[in-house]
Amino acid sequence: MILFAAVKPNQKTIRALLREQKGVSAARWSDPEKLHITTGYFGQVDDDLAEQLDVELARLSMPSFEVQLSGAGHFGKLEPHAIWAGVAPNPSLERLHAHCKQAARRCGIEMEKRKYIPHVTLAYMKPYPVLERIIAFEKRMANFAPPPFLVDELCLLSSHRKARGANLYRLEASYPLLGSLG
């Protein structure tokens, strides 16, 4: 199964994101239950390794914290393939990402090497999107800054491919953020 760790925005933030999902005709907008900030992508993992990863992720000991969304952008230089809402710099979110990397390393899971850019994927693009529409969307979102939301758990999610349409996500485990900064 494909596994990833993520934090989920609260319902008020999700509603604010849903209100912005318009104006780009080539966008396949993400459903509300798919909106999240990935903190670690583990890829294809067998059941035994998934159990190990669960144990390692459960070692998490940190307090809850707030996250602020801010602005928007896209991935794909030559042809945009996704548009996203940005996340203001956040040391606690970086720490959560580092915890996911350490858990993966202890399990022998090799995570991708590219720089961690926290974001909420708002849409995946159909082929040949009109770049001007994406730029207009990003300009409209330049001042997007809903109230911060509380992150009080880390989720381990699985992604299951469907024959048609978007992948199906399933919550496999959650880890409360109740610990100390130590």
Protein backbone atom coordinates (compact mmCIF):
# COMPACT_ATOMS: atom_id res chain seq x y z
CA MET A 1 0.00 0.00 0.00
CA ILE A 2 1.06 3.62 -0.50
CA LEU A 3 1.52 5.42 2.83
CA PHE A 4 1.99 9.03 3.80
CA ALA A 5 1.81 11.10 6.99
CA ALA A 6 -0.18 14.32 7.07
CA VAL A 7 -1.94 16.92 9.16
CA LYS A 8 -5.47 17.96 8.32
CA PRO A 9 -6.90 21.48 8.45
CA ASN A 10 -9.98 22.08 10.57
CA GLN A 11 -13.43 22.37 8.96
CA LYS A 12 -13.39 26.19 8.95
CA THR A 13 -10.10 26.21 7.01
CA ILE A 14 -11.37 23.53 4.63
CA ARG A 15 -14.47 25.65 3.89
CA ALA A 16 -12.20 28.65 3.20
CA LEU A 17 -10.13 26.52 0.78
CA LEU A 18 -13.24 25.18 -0.97
CA ARG A 19 -14.49 28.74 -1.59
CA GLU A 20 -11.27 29.44 -3.50
CA GLN A 21 -11.42 26.35 -5.73
CA LYS A 22 -12.59 28.04 -8.92
CA GLY A 23 -11.35 29.95 -11.92
CA VAL A 24 -9.00 27.37 -13.50
CA SER A 25 -10.82 25.32 -16.13
CA ALA A 26 -8.13 22.62 -16.39
CA ALA A 27 -8.20 21.94 -12.63
CA ARG A 28 -9.51 18.74 -11.08
CA TRP A 29 -10.27 20.25 -7.67
CA SER A 30 -9.52 18.15 -4.57
CA ASP A 31 -12.47 16.94 -2.50
CA PRO A 32 -12.68 18.30 1.07
CA GLU A 33 -11.62 14.99 2.65
CA LYS A 34 -8.42 15.02 0.56
CA LEU A 35 -7.19 18.44 1.73
CA HIS A 36 -4.13 17.98 3.94
CA ILE A 37 -0.49 18.97 4.46
CA THR A 38 1.81 16.02 3.82
CA THR A 39 4.56 15.71 6.41
CA GLY A 40 6.13 12.53 5.03
CA TYR A 41 5.57 10.48 1.86
CA PHE A 42 6.68 6.87 2.35
CA GLY A 43 5.54 5.39 -0.96
CA GLN A 44 4.77 1.72 -1.52
CA VAL A 45 5.13 -0.12 1.80
CA ASP A 46 4.33 -3.78 2.61
CA ASP A 47 2.23 -4.72 5.66
CA ASP A 48 5.20 -5.69 7.87
CA LEU A 49 7.01 -2.44 7.16
CA ALA A 50 3.77 -0.50 7.70
CA GLU A 51 3.54 -2.00 11.21
CA GLN A 52 7.14 -0.98 11.90
CA LEU A 53 6.46 2.52 10.61
CA ASP A 54 3.40 2.78 12.85
CA VAL A 55 5.55 1.95 15.90
CA GLU A 56 8.20 4.50 14.89
CA LEU A 57 5.69 7.28 14.19
CA ALA A 58 4.02 6.59 17.56
CA ARG A 59 7.26 7.68 19.28
CA LEU A 60 6.22 11.25 18.51
CA SER A 61 6.37 13.53 21.53
CA MET A 62 5.53 17.15 20.81
CA PRO A 63 2.79 19.59 21.73
CA SER A 64 0.04 20.78 19.44
CA PHE A 65 0.73 23.91 17.38
CA GLU A 66 -0.95 26.29 14.96
CA VAL A 67 -0.48 26.44 11.18
CA GLN A 68 -1.16 29.48 9.00
CA LEU A 69 -2.01 29.05 5.31
CA SER A 70 -0.74 31.79 3.06
CA GLY A 71 -0.90 32.42 -0.69
CA ALA A 72 -0.81 29.89 -3.51
CA GLY A 73 1.42 28.49 -6.23
CA HIS A 74 1.85 25.60 -8.63
CA PHE A 75 4.16 22.69 -9.31
CA GLY A 76 5.51 21.99 -12.78
CA LYS A 77 7.78 24.44 -14.57
CA LEU A 78 7.14 23.57 -18.20
CA GLU A 79 3.59 22.34 -17.72
CA PRO A 80 1.86 22.96 -14.38
CA HIS A 81 0.53 19.71 -12.91
CA ALA A 82 -0.83 20.88 -9.52
CA ILE A 83 -1.90 24.08 -7.79
CA TRP A 84 -1.64 24.54 -4.06
CA ALA A 85 -2.27 26.80 -1.07
CA GLY A 86 0.92 27.72 0.73
CA VAL A 87 1.86 27.34 4.38
CA ALA A 88 3.62 30.10 6.31
CA PRO A 89 7.05 29.05 7.66
CA ASN A 90 6.51 26.90 10.75
CA PRO A 91 9.28 25.30 12.86
CA SER A 92 6.83 22.81 14.42
CA LEU A 93 5.73 21.57 11.00
CA GLU A 94 9.39 21.21 10.00
CA ARG A 95 9.96 19.23 13.20
CA LEU A 96 7.04 16.94 12.33
CA HIS A 97 8.55 16.40 8.87
CA ALA A 98 11.93 15.58 10.47
CA HIS A 99 10.20 13.06 12.76
CA CYS A 100 8.63 11.36 9.70
CA LYS A 101 12.04 11.20 7.98
CA GLN A 102 13.67 9.70 11.08
CA ALA A 103 10.88 7.13 11.45
CA ALA A 104 11.27 6.16 7.78
CA ARG A 105 15.06 5.90 8.12
CA ARG A 106 14.74 3.62 11.18
CA CYS A 107 12.45 1.36 9.11
CA GLY A 108 14.71 1.36 6.06
CA ILE A 109 12.22 3.36 3.98
CA GLU A 110 13.88 5.75 1.56
CA MET A 111 11.92 8.99 1.28
CA GLU A 112 12.21 11.37 -1.65
CA LYS A 113 15.15 13.77 -1.52
CA ARG A 114 13.56 16.97 -2.78
CA LYS A 115 13.16 19.97 -0.49
CA TYR A 116 10.15 19.84 1.81
CA ILE A 117 7.61 22.47 0.76
CA PRO A 118 4.56 22.35 3.04
CA HIS A 119 1.36 22.97 1.07
CA VAL A 120 -2.24 21.90 0.59
CA THR A 121 -2.82 20.52 -2.91
CA LEU A 122 -5.97 22.20 -4.17
CA ALA A 123 -6.09 20.62 -7.64
CA TYR A 124 -4.31 18.42 -10.11
CA MET A 125 -4.23 19.76 -13.64
CA LYS A 126 -5.55 18.17 -16.80
CA PRO A 127 -3.07 18.19 -19.72
CA TYR A 128 -2.26 21.53 -21.37
CA PRO A 129 -3.65 23.96 -18.79
CA VAL A 130 -3.86 27.64 -19.68
CA LEU A 131 -0.99 29.20 -17.73
CA GLU A 132 -2.68 32.63 -17.64
CA ARG A 133 -5.61 31.11 -15.70
CA ILE A 134 -3.22 29.63 -13.15
CA ILE A 135 -1.36 32.94 -12.80
CA ALA A 136 -4.67 34.76 -12.32
CA PHE A 137 -5.64 32.23 -9.63
CA GLU A 138 -2.32 32.73 -7.84
CA LYS A 139 -2.73 36.53 -7.96
CA ARG A 140 -6.24 36.21 -6.52
CA MET A 141 -4.84 33.97 -3.76
CA ALA A 142 -1.87 36.27 -2.99
CA ASN A 143 -3.62 37.64 0.11
CA PHE A 144 -5.28 34.36 1.09
CA ALA A 145 -4.69 33.95 4.82
CA PRO A 146 -7.53 32.30 6.75
CA PRO A 147 -7.18 32.19 10.54
CA PRO A 148 -4.52 29.76 11.80
CA PHE A 149 -5.73 26.27 12.67
CA LEU A 150 -4.65 23.97 15.49
CA VAL A 151 -2.71 20.83 14.64
CA ASP A 152 -3.26 18.32 17.43
CA GLU A 153 -2.59 15.03 15.63
CA LEU A 154 -0.47 13.45 12.94
CA CYS A 155 -2.29 11.04 10.62
CA LEU A 156 -0.91 8.01 8.79
CA LEU A 157 -2.93 7.63 5.58
CA SER A 158 -2.97 5.07 2.82
CA SER A 159 -3.74 5.86 -0.80
CA HIS A 160 -5.53 3.31 -2.97
CA ARG A 161 -5.76 3.65 -6.74
CA LYS A 162 -9.18 3.45 -8.35
CA ALA A 163 -9.82 2.49 -11.96
CA ARG A 164 -11.35 5.93 -12.57
CA GLY A 165 -11.15 9.15 -10.64
CA ALA A 166 -9.02 10.25 -7.71
CA ASN A 167 -7.28 7.86 -5.35
CA LEU A 168 -9.12 6.74 -2.24
CA TYR A 169 -7.52 7.78 1.09
CA ARG A 170 -7.95 5.77 4.28
CA LEU A 171 -6.86 6.70 7.81
CA GLU A 172 -4.56 3.92 9.07
CA ALA A 173 -3.46 5.48 12.39
CA SER A 174 -3.32 8.79 14.22
CA TYR A 175 -0.85 10.11 16.76
CA PRO A 176 -1.97 12.84 19.19
CA LEU A 177 0.31 15.82 19.73
CA LEU A 178 0.31 15.98 23.51
CA GLY A 179 3.97 15.73 24.43
CA SER A 180 6.52 18.22 25.57
CA LEU A 181 9.07 20.07 23.46
CA GLY A 182 11.84 17.88 24.91
